[in-house]
N, C-alpha and C. Protein backbone atom coordinates (compact mmCIF):
# COMPACT_ATOMS: atom_id res chain seq x y z
N MET A 1 0.84 -1.17 0.00
CA MET A 1 0.00 0.00 0.00
C MET A 1 0.89 1.24 0.00
N PRO A 2 0.64 2.16 -0.91
CA PRO A 2 1.48 3.36 -0.94
C PRO A 2 1.20 4.27 0.27
N THR A 3 2.21 5.02 0.63
CA THR A 3 2.03 5.99 1.71
C THR A 3 2.01 7.38 1.09
N TYR A 4 1.22 8.24 1.68
CA TYR A 4 1.07 9.60 1.18
C TYR A 4 1.54 10.57 2.25
N ASP A 5 2.09 11.70 1.83
CA ASP A 5 2.56 12.66 2.81
C ASP A 5 1.37 13.30 3.53
N ILE A 6 1.67 13.90 4.66
CA ILE A 6 0.62 14.43 5.53
C ILE A 6 -0.19 15.53 4.85
N ALA A 7 0.44 16.32 3.99
CA ALA A 7 -0.28 17.39 3.30
C ALA A 7 -1.30 16.83 2.32
N THR A 8 -0.94 15.77 1.62
CA THR A 8 -1.86 15.15 0.66
C THR A 8 -3.05 14.53 1.38
N ARG A 9 -2.78 13.87 2.51
CA ARG A 9 -3.87 13.27 3.29
C ARG A 9 -4.80 14.36 3.83
N ALA A 10 -4.22 15.47 4.29
CA ALA A 10 -5.03 16.58 4.80
C ALA A 10 -5.87 17.20 3.68
N GLN A 11 -5.31 17.31 2.49
CA GLN A 11 -6.06 17.85 1.35
C GLN A 11 -7.24 16.93 1.02
N ALA A 12 -7.00 15.63 0.97
CA ALA A 12 -8.07 14.69 0.67
C ALA A 12 -9.16 14.75 1.74
N LEU A 13 -8.75 14.86 3.00
CA LEU A 13 -9.71 14.95 4.10
C LEU A 13 -10.54 16.23 3.99
N ALA A 14 -9.90 17.33 3.68
CA ALA A 14 -10.61 18.61 3.54
C ALA A 14 -11.61 18.56 2.39
N LEU A 15 -11.21 17.98 1.27
CA LEU A 15 -12.12 17.88 0.13
C LEU A 15 -13.30 16.98 0.45
N LYS A 16 -13.04 15.89 1.18
CA LYS A 16 -14.10 14.94 1.51
C LYS A 16 -15.10 15.52 2.50
N ILE A 17 -14.61 16.15 3.57
CA ILE A 17 -15.54 16.66 4.57
C ILE A 17 -16.21 17.96 4.12
N GLY A 18 -15.66 18.59 3.10
CA GLY A 18 -16.30 19.77 2.52
C GLY A 18 -17.61 19.41 1.84
N GLY A 19 -17.70 18.18 1.36
CA GLY A 19 -18.94 17.67 0.79
C GLY A 19 -19.23 18.08 -0.63
N ARG A 20 -18.34 18.79 -1.28
CA ARG A 20 -18.62 19.27 -2.64
C ARG A 20 -17.96 18.40 -3.71
N HIS A 21 -17.08 17.49 -3.29
CA HIS A 21 -16.34 16.69 -4.26
C HIS A 21 -16.62 15.20 -4.04
N PRO A 22 -17.00 14.48 -5.10
CA PRO A 22 -17.17 13.03 -4.96
C PRO A 22 -15.80 12.34 -4.86
N ASN A 23 -15.81 11.11 -4.40
CA ASN A 23 -14.56 10.37 -4.19
C ASN A 23 -13.72 10.28 -5.45
N GLU A 24 -14.34 10.07 -6.60
CA GLU A 24 -13.58 9.94 -7.85
C GLU A 24 -12.85 11.23 -8.19
N GLU A 25 -13.44 12.37 -7.91
CA GLU A 25 -12.78 13.65 -8.16
C GLU A 25 -11.62 13.85 -7.19
N ILE A 26 -11.82 13.47 -5.92
CA ILE A 26 -10.73 13.57 -4.93
C ILE A 26 -9.58 12.65 -5.35
N LYS A 27 -9.92 11.47 -5.86
CA LYS A 27 -8.90 10.54 -6.35
C LYS A 27 -8.11 11.17 -7.49
N HIS A 28 -8.79 11.83 -8.40
CA HIS A 28 -8.14 12.48 -9.53
C HIS A 28 -7.23 13.63 -9.07
N ILE A 29 -7.67 14.39 -8.08
CA ILE A 29 -6.91 15.54 -7.60
C ILE A 29 -5.68 15.11 -6.81
N THR A 30 -5.86 14.15 -5.90
CA THR A 30 -4.78 13.79 -4.96
C THR A 30 -3.99 12.55 -5.35
N GLY A 31 -4.59 11.68 -6.15
CA GLY A 31 -3.92 10.42 -6.50
C GLY A 31 -4.12 9.34 -5.45
N ILE A 32 -4.96 9.58 -4.47
CA ILE A 32 -5.23 8.61 -3.41
C ILE A 32 -6.45 7.79 -3.82
N SER A 33 -6.37 6.47 -3.63
CA SER A 33 -7.48 5.60 -4.01
C SER A 33 -8.71 5.89 -3.15
N VAL A 34 -9.87 5.53 -3.67
CA VAL A 34 -11.13 5.77 -2.96
C VAL A 34 -11.13 5.04 -1.62
N ARG A 35 -10.64 3.83 -1.60
CA ARG A 35 -10.58 3.07 -0.35
C ARG A 35 -9.71 3.78 0.69
N SER A 36 -8.56 4.29 0.25
CA SER A 36 -7.67 5.00 1.17
C SER A 36 -8.29 6.32 1.65
N ILE A 37 -9.02 6.99 0.79
CA ILE A 37 -9.70 8.23 1.19
C ILE A 37 -10.67 7.93 2.33
N ASN A 38 -11.46 6.89 2.15
CA ASN A 38 -12.43 6.52 3.19
C ASN A 38 -11.72 6.12 4.49
N ARG A 39 -10.58 5.44 4.37
CA ARG A 39 -9.81 5.05 5.56
C ARG A 39 -9.24 6.28 6.27
N ILE A 40 -8.77 7.25 5.52
CA ILE A 40 -8.23 8.48 6.10
C ILE A 40 -9.33 9.21 6.88
N VAL A 41 -10.53 9.30 6.30
CA VAL A 41 -11.65 9.95 6.97
C VAL A 41 -12.03 9.19 8.24
N ASP A 42 -12.13 7.87 8.15
CA ASP A 42 -12.49 7.06 9.32
C ASP A 42 -11.47 7.22 10.44
N GLN A 43 -10.17 7.20 10.10
CA GLN A 43 -9.14 7.36 11.12
C GLN A 43 -9.19 8.75 11.75
N ALA A 44 -9.45 9.77 10.95
CA ALA A 44 -9.54 11.13 11.48
C ALA A 44 -10.68 11.24 12.48
N ILE A 45 -11.80 10.62 12.17
CA ILE A 45 -12.94 10.65 13.09
C ILE A 45 -12.60 9.90 14.38
N GLU A 46 -11.93 8.75 14.26
CA GLU A 46 -11.49 8.01 15.45
C GLU A 46 -10.54 8.82 16.31
N ARG A 47 -9.73 9.66 15.67
CA ARG A 47 -8.73 10.46 16.38
C ARG A 47 -9.28 11.78 16.91
N GLY A 48 -10.58 12.01 16.71
CA GLY A 48 -11.20 13.18 17.33
C GLY A 48 -11.74 14.24 16.39
N LEU A 49 -11.74 14.02 15.10
CA LEU A 49 -12.30 14.99 14.17
C LEU A 49 -13.78 15.18 14.44
N ASP A 50 -14.19 16.41 14.63
CA ASP A 50 -15.60 16.75 14.84
C ASP A 50 -16.15 17.29 13.53
N LEU A 51 -17.07 16.57 12.91
CA LEU A 51 -17.61 16.99 11.62
C LEU A 51 -18.45 18.25 11.71
N ASN A 52 -18.89 18.62 12.91
CA ASN A 52 -19.64 19.86 13.09
C ASN A 52 -18.71 21.07 13.18
N ASN A 53 -17.46 20.84 13.53
CA ASN A 53 -16.45 21.88 13.63
C ASN A 53 -15.18 21.35 12.96
N PRO A 54 -15.17 21.27 11.63
CA PRO A 54 -14.10 20.56 10.92
C PRO A 54 -12.78 21.32 10.83
N ILE A 55 -12.05 21.34 11.92
CA ILE A 55 -10.69 21.87 11.92
C ILE A 55 -9.76 20.67 11.83
N ILE A 56 -8.89 20.65 10.83
CA ILE A 56 -8.03 19.50 10.61
C ILE A 56 -6.71 19.73 11.32
N LEU A 57 -6.43 18.88 12.29
CA LEU A 57 -5.17 18.92 13.02
C LEU A 57 -4.21 17.88 12.44
N ASP A 58 -2.90 18.11 12.62
CA ASP A 58 -1.91 17.16 12.14
C ASP A 58 -2.13 15.77 12.72
N SER A 59 -2.57 15.72 13.96
CA SER A 59 -2.74 14.41 14.62
C SER A 59 -3.84 13.58 13.94
N TYR A 60 -4.75 14.21 13.22
CA TYR A 60 -5.81 13.48 12.54
C TYR A 60 -5.30 12.73 11.31
N VAL A 61 -4.25 13.24 10.69
CA VAL A 61 -3.75 12.64 9.45
C VAL A 61 -2.31 12.15 9.56
N ALA A 62 -1.76 12.12 10.78
CA ALA A 62 -0.38 11.69 11.00
C ALA A 62 -0.24 10.19 10.75
N ASP A 63 0.99 9.76 10.47
CA ASP A 63 1.28 8.34 10.30
C ASP A 63 1.01 7.59 11.58
N SER A 64 0.46 6.40 11.44
CA SER A 64 0.26 5.52 12.59
C SER A 64 1.57 4.81 12.89
N PRO A 65 1.77 4.41 14.15
CA PRO A 65 2.98 3.64 14.46
C PRO A 65 2.98 2.33 13.68
N ARG A 66 4.13 1.92 13.23
CA ARG A 66 4.26 0.69 12.46
C ARG A 66 4.68 -0.44 13.37
N SER A 67 4.15 -1.61 13.10
CA SER A 67 4.56 -2.77 13.87
C SER A 67 5.86 -3.30 13.27
N GLY A 68 6.51 -4.12 14.03
CA GLY A 68 7.74 -4.73 13.52
C GLY A 68 8.90 -4.51 14.46
N ARG A 69 9.98 -5.10 14.09
CA ARG A 69 11.19 -5.03 14.90
C ARG A 69 11.78 -3.63 14.85
N PRO A 70 12.14 -3.09 16.02
CA PRO A 70 12.78 -1.76 16.02
C PRO A 70 14.16 -1.80 15.38
N SER A 71 14.57 -0.67 14.84
CA SER A 71 15.88 -0.57 14.21
C SER A 71 16.98 -0.67 15.26
N LYS A 72 18.09 -1.31 14.88
CA LYS A 72 19.23 -1.42 15.79
C LYS A 72 20.17 -0.22 15.67
N GLN A 73 19.96 0.61 14.65
CA GLN A 73 20.83 1.75 14.46
C GLN A 73 20.55 2.81 15.51
N ALA A 74 21.63 3.39 16.02
CA ALA A 74 21.48 4.48 16.99
C ALA A 74 21.09 5.74 16.24
N LYS A 75 20.15 6.48 16.80
CA LYS A 75 19.75 7.73 16.16
C LYS A 75 20.78 8.78 16.50
N ALA A 76 21.27 9.45 15.48
CA ALA A 76 22.31 10.45 15.68
C ALA A 76 21.71 11.79 16.06
């Protein structure tokens, strides 16, 4: 699954909650699949997005922690 930068996810979220653009148009504008658009919206709502007061915070569209083995490299 491709990953999208935070600005692209925020743009897709803004277009979707604005209600004026269908999913196919958002897909054309941002390059994000319809399924991913719906997932971004669902995650934003889970993270506290209020559709009555739609202010988009970074935490709504930030990357989720990834599972897996931590890196052994020391962070410089």
